[in-house]
Amino acid sequence: MPTAADGPEVERLRARIVLLEEQNEQLRGALTTRILVEQAKGVLIERLDLPAEEVFELMRAASRRSRLKMQTLAAELLSSRTTPEYIMREVRHLQDPSV
């Protein structure tokens, strides 16, 4: 049976549980995003016949230039059979930086 002395300890544990639940949710979100990005990388590797490192840099640059979150960019790639134009611009830039 809890005593009055247990009060602060119980509150500390409750606060810790809330913090851990928040961290767990953040990690789940990050994992979901990571899976989405990895799938999109695979699609671009297949479509463009480029190494994984170049594809990730390409996605990162396209995300920055188009002001889209990486997960939004990845979702767009996965939802279409064609590669969005802003990605193709990055491919052209990768092949010829003066473009």
N, C-alpha and C. Protein backbone atom coordinates (compact mmCIF):
# COMPACT_ATOMS: atom_id res chain seq x y z
N MET A 1 0.84 -1.18 0.00
CA MET A 1 0.00 0.00 0.00
C MET A 1 0.88 1.24 0.00
N PRO A 2 0.61 2.21 -0.92
CA PRO A 2 1.44 3.41 -0.99
C PRO A 2 1.33 4.25 0.27
N THR A 3 2.45 4.86 0.60
CA THR A 3 2.47 5.76 1.75
C THR A 3 2.66 7.19 1.24
N ALA A 4 2.54 8.15 2.14
CA ALA A 4 2.71 9.56 1.77
C ALA A 4 4.12 9.79 1.23
N ALA A 5 5.08 9.03 1.72
CA ALA A 5 6.46 9.18 1.27
C ALA A 5 6.64 8.71 -0.18
N ASP A 6 5.73 7.86 -0.66
CA ASP A 6 5.81 7.37 -2.03
C ASP A 6 5.37 8.42 -3.05
N GLY A 7 4.68 9.44 -2.64
CA GLY A 7 4.13 10.46 -3.53
C GLY A 7 5.13 11.01 -4.52
N PRO A 8 6.23 11.60 -4.06
CA PRO A 8 7.19 12.16 -5.01
C PRO A 8 7.80 11.11 -5.95
N GLU A 9 8.05 9.92 -5.44
CA GLU A 9 8.62 8.86 -6.26
C GLU A 9 7.63 8.41 -7.33
N VAL A 10 6.37 8.28 -6.95
CA VAL A 10 5.33 7.89 -7.91
C VAL A 10 5.20 8.96 -8.99
N GLU A 11 5.21 10.21 -8.59
CA GLU A 11 5.12 11.31 -9.58
C GLU A 11 6.34 11.32 -10.50
N ARG A 12 7.50 11.06 -9.96
CA ARG A 12 8.71 10.99 -10.77
C ARG A 12 8.60 9.87 -11.80
N LEU A 13 8.09 8.73 -11.37
CA LEU A 13 7.93 7.59 -12.28
C LEU A 13 6.88 7.88 -13.35
N ARG A 14 5.79 8.55 -12.97
CA ARG A 14 4.77 8.92 -13.96
C ARG A 14 5.35 9.85 -15.01
N ALA A 15 6.12 10.83 -14.56
CA ALA A 15 6.75 11.77 -15.49
C ALA A 15 7.71 11.03 -16.42
N ARG A 16 8.43 10.07 -15.86
CA ARG A 16 9.36 9.28 -16.67
C ARG A 16 8.62 8.46 -17.73
N ILE A 17 7.47 7.90 -17.36
CA ILE A 17 6.66 7.12 -18.29
C ILE A 17 6.18 8.01 -19.44
N VAL A 18 5.72 9.20 -19.12
CA VAL A 18 5.26 10.13 -20.16
C VAL A 18 6.42 10.45 -21.10
N LEU A 19 7.59 10.74 -20.55
CA LEU A 19 8.75 11.04 -21.38
C LEU A 19 9.11 9.87 -22.28
N LEU A 20 9.11 8.67 -21.74
CA LEU A 20 9.45 7.49 -22.53
C LEU A 20 8.41 7.23 -23.61
N GLU A 21 7.14 7.47 -23.32
CA GLU A 21 6.10 7.30 -24.33
C GLU A 21 6.29 8.30 -25.47
N GLU A 22 6.65 9.53 -25.15
CA GLU A 22 6.91 10.55 -26.18
C GLU A 22 8.11 10.15 -27.03
N GLN A 23 9.17 9.69 -26.39
CA GLN A 23 10.35 9.26 -27.13
C GLN A 23 10.03 8.08 -28.03
N ASN A 24 9.24 7.15 -27.52
CA ASN A 24 8.84 5.98 -28.30
C ASN A 24 8.08 6.41 -29.55
N GLU A 25 7.16 7.35 -29.40
CA GLU A 25 6.38 7.83 -30.54
C GLU A 25 7.29 8.52 -31.56
N GLN A 26 8.24 9.31 -31.10
CA GLN A 26 9.18 9.98 -32.00
C GLN A 26 10.02 8.96 -32.77
N LEU A 27 10.47 7.93 -32.07
CA LEU A 27 11.27 6.90 -32.73
C LEU A 27 10.45 6.12 -33.75
N ARG A 28 9.20 5.86 -33.44
CA ARG A 28 8.34 5.17 -34.40
C ARG A 28 8.15 6.02 -35.66
N GLY A 29 7.96 7.32 -35.47
CA GLY A 29 7.82 8.22 -36.61
C GLY A 29 9.08 8.26 -37.45
N ALA A 30 10.22 8.32 -36.77
CA ALA A 30 11.50 8.34 -37.49
C ALA A 30 11.71 7.05 -38.26
N LEU A 31 11.35 5.94 -37.67
CA LEU A 31 11.49 4.65 -38.35
C LEU A 31 10.59 4.57 -39.58
N THR A 32 9.37 5.05 -39.45
CA THR A 32 8.44 5.06 -40.58
C THR A 32 9.01 5.91 -41.72
N THR A 33 9.55 7.08 -41.38
CA THR A 33 10.15 7.95 -42.38
C THR A 33 11.35 7.27 -43.02
N ARG A 34 12.17 6.64 -42.22
CA ARG A 34 13.36 5.96 -42.74
C ARG A 34 12.99 4.87 -43.73
N ILE A 35 11.96 4.10 -43.40
CA ILE A 35 11.51 3.03 -44.29
C ILE A 35 11.03 3.61 -45.61
N LEU A 36 10.26 4.70 -45.54
CA LEU A 36 9.74 5.36 -46.74
C LEU A 36 10.88 5.87 -47.62
N VAL A 37 11.87 6.50 -47.00
CA VAL A 37 13.02 7.03 -47.74
C VAL A 37 13.82 5.89 -48.37
N GLU A 38 14.03 4.82 -47.64
CA GLU A 38 14.79 3.68 -48.19
C GLU A 38 14.06 3.05 -49.38
N GLN A 39 12.73 2.96 -49.29
CA GLN A 39 11.97 2.41 -50.42
C GLN A 39 12.10 3.33 -51.64
N ALA A 40 12.01 4.63 -51.41
CA ALA A 40 12.14 5.59 -52.51
C ALA A 40 13.54 5.53 -53.12
N LYS A 41 14.55 5.37 -52.27
CA LYS A 41 15.92 5.21 -52.78
C LYS A 41 15.99 4.00 -53.70
N GLY A 42 15.39 2.92 -53.29
CA GLY A 42 15.39 1.71 -54.11
C GLY A 42 14.74 1.94 -55.46
N VAL A 43 13.64 2.67 -55.47
CA VAL A 43 12.95 2.98 -56.72
C VAL A 43 13.86 3.79 -57.64
N LEU A 44 14.51 4.82 -57.07
CA LEU A 44 15.39 5.66 -57.89
C LEU A 44 16.64 4.90 -58.36
N ILE A 45 17.16 4.04 -57.53
CA ILE A 45 18.31 3.22 -57.95
C ILE A 45 17.91 2.41 -59.18
N GLU A 46 16.72 1.85 -59.14
CA GLU A 46 16.22 1.06 -60.26
C GLU A 46 15.96 1.93 -61.49
N ARG A 47 15.29 3.05 -61.30
CA ARG A 47 14.92 3.91 -62.43
C ARG A 47 16.12 4.59 -63.07
N LEU A 48 17.07 5.03 -62.25
CA LEU A 48 18.17 5.86 -62.76
C LEU A 48 19.49 5.12 -62.91
N ASP A 49 19.54 3.91 -62.39
CA ASP A 49 20.76 3.10 -62.45
C ASP A 49 21.96 3.86 -61.87
N LEU A 50 21.75 4.38 -60.64
CA LEU A 50 22.80 5.10 -59.92
C LEU A 50 23.08 4.38 -58.61
N PRO A 51 24.28 4.58 -58.05
CA PRO A 51 24.59 3.97 -56.75
C PRO A 51 23.77 4.62 -55.63
N ALA A 52 23.57 3.86 -54.58
CA ALA A 52 22.74 4.30 -53.45
C ALA A 52 23.20 5.63 -52.87
N GLU A 53 24.52 5.83 -52.74
CA GLU A 53 25.03 7.08 -52.15
C GLU A 53 24.64 8.28 -53.00
N GLU A 54 24.76 8.14 -54.32
CA GLU A 54 24.40 9.24 -55.22
C GLU A 54 22.90 9.50 -55.18
N VAL A 55 22.12 8.44 -55.10
CA VAL A 55 20.67 8.60 -55.06
C VAL A 55 20.26 9.33 -53.78
N PHE A 56 20.87 9.00 -52.66
CA PHE A 56 20.51 9.69 -51.42
C PHE A 56 20.88 11.17 -51.51
N GLU A 57 22.06 11.48 -52.02
CA GLU A 57 22.46 12.88 -52.17
C GLU A 57 21.53 13.61 -53.13
N LEU A 58 21.13 12.92 -54.18
CA LEU A 58 20.19 13.48 -55.14
C LEU A 58 18.86 13.80 -54.46
N MET A 59 18.36 12.87 -53.67
CA MET A 59 17.10 13.08 -52.95
C MET A 59 17.24 14.23 -51.95
N ARG A 60 18.35 14.28 -51.28
CA ARG A 60 18.56 15.34 -50.29
C ARG A 60 18.60 16.71 -50.97
N ALA A 61 19.32 16.80 -52.08
CA ALA A 61 19.39 18.06 -52.82
C ALA A 61 18.02 18.45 -53.36
N ALA A 62 17.29 17.49 -53.92
CA ALA A 62 15.96 17.78 -54.45
C ALA A 62 15.02 18.22 -53.33
N SER A 63 15.14 17.61 -52.18
CA SER A 63 14.32 17.98 -51.03
C SER A 63 14.59 19.42 -50.63
N ARG A 64 15.86 19.76 -50.56
CA ARG A 64 16.25 21.13 -50.18
C ARG A 64 15.78 22.15 -51.21
N ARG A 65 16.08 21.90 -52.48
CA ARG A 65 15.75 22.87 -53.53
C ARG A 65 14.26 23.04 -53.73
N SER A 66 13.52 21.96 -53.56
CA SER A 66 12.07 22.03 -53.76
C SER A 66 11.34 22.40 -52.47
N ARG A 67 12.09 22.51 -51.39
CA ARG A 67 11.54 22.84 -50.07
C ARG A 67 10.47 21.84 -49.62
N LEU A 68 10.75 20.57 -49.91
CA LEU A 68 9.88 19.49 -49.46
C LEU A 68 10.61 18.69 -48.40
N LYS A 69 9.87 18.20 -47.43
CA LYS A 69 10.47 17.28 -46.47
C LYS A 69 10.85 16.01 -47.21
N MET A 70 11.89 15.37 -46.74
CA MET A 70 12.37 14.14 -47.38
C MET A 70 11.25 13.09 -47.44
N GLN A 71 10.46 12.98 -46.39
CA GLN A 71 9.41 11.97 -46.40
C GLN A 71 8.31 12.31 -47.42
N THR A 72 8.06 13.59 -47.66
CA THR A 72 7.08 13.99 -48.67
C THR A 72 7.60 13.64 -50.06
N LEU A 73 8.86 13.95 -50.29
CA LEU A 73 9.50 13.62 -51.55
C LEU A 73 9.44 12.11 -51.78
N ALA A 74 9.78 11.34 -50.77
CA ALA A 74 9.79 9.88 -50.89
C ALA A 74 8.38 9.36 -51.19
N ALA A 75 7.38 9.90 -50.51
CA ALA A 75 6.00 9.46 -50.74
C ALA A 75 5.57 9.77 -52.18
N GLU A 76 5.97 10.94 -52.70
CA GLU A 76 5.64 11.28 -54.09
C GLU A 76 6.29 10.30 -55.06
N LEU A 77 7.54 9.97 -54.80
CA LEU A 77 8.23 9.01 -55.67
C LEU A 77 7.54 7.66 -55.67
N LEU A 78 7.12 7.23 -54.50
CA LEU A 78 6.51 5.91 -54.39
C LEU A 78 5.10 5.86 -54.94
N SER A 79 4.45 7.01 -55.04
CA SER A 79 3.06 7.01 -55.49
C SER A 79 2.92 7.17 -57.01
N SER A 80 4.03 7.31 -57.71
CA SER A 80 3.97 7.55 -59.14
C SER A 80 4.93 6.63 -59.89
N ARG A 81 4.55 6.30 -61.10
CA ARG A 81 5.44 5.49 -61.95
C ARG A 81 6.46 6.34 -62.68
N THR A 82 6.27 7.66 -62.61
CA THR A 82 7.23 8.57 -63.25
C THR A 82 7.97 9.35 -62.18
N THR A 83 9.16 9.75 -62.50
CA THR A 83 9.99 10.50 -61.57
C THR A 83 9.62 11.98 -61.68
N PRO A 84 9.32 12.63 -60.56
CA PRO A 84 8.95 14.05 -60.61
C PRO A 84 10.04 14.90 -61.26
N GLU A 85 9.62 15.97 -61.92
CA GLU A 85 10.55 16.84 -62.64
C GLU A 85 11.63 17.41 -61.73
N TYR A 86 11.29 17.77 -60.50
CA TYR A 86 12.32 18.34 -59.62
C TYR A 86 13.41 17.33 -59.30
N ILE A 87 13.11 16.06 -59.35
CA ILE A 87 14.15 15.04 -59.18
C ILE A 87 14.99 14.97 -60.45
N MET A 88 14.33 15.01 -61.59
CA MET A 88 15.07 14.93 -62.86
C MET A 88 15.98 16.14 -63.03
N ARG A 89 15.58 17.31 -62.53
CA ARG A 89 16.47 18.48 -62.57
C ARG A 89 17.74 18.20 -61.78
N GLU A 90 17.60 17.55 -60.64
CA GLU A 90 18.77 17.21 -59.83
C GLU A 90 19.65 16.19 -60.53
N VAL A 91 19.05 15.26 -61.26
CA VAL A 91 19.82 14.28 -62.03
C VAL A 91 20.65 15.02 -63.08
N ARG A 92 20.00 15.94 -63.79
CA ARG A 92 20.73 16.71 -64.81
C ARG A 92 21.85 17.53 -64.17
N HIS A 93 21.56 18.10 -63.00
CA HIS A 93 22.57 18.89 -62.29
C HIS A 93 23.73 18.00 -61.84
N LEU A 94 23.41 16.78 -61.42
CA LEU A 94 24.43 15.82 -61.01
C LEU A 94 25.33 15.47 -62.20
N GLN A 95 24.72 15.30 -63.36
CA GLN A 95 25.48 14.93 -64.55
C GLN A 95 26.27 16.11 -65.11
N ASP A 96 25.71 17.33 -64.97
CA ASP A 96 26.37 18.53 -65.48
C ASP A 96 26.09 19.66 -64.51
N PRO A 97 26.99 19.92 -63.56
CA PRO A 97 26.74 20.94 -62.51
C PRO A 97 26.48 22.34 -63.05
N SER A 98 26.80 22.62 -64.31
CA SER A 98 26.56 23.97 -64.84
C SER A 98 25.07 24.19 -65.19
N VAL A 99 24.27 23.10 -65.14
CA VAL A 99 22.84 23.19 -65.46
C VAL A 99 22.10 23.85 -64.34
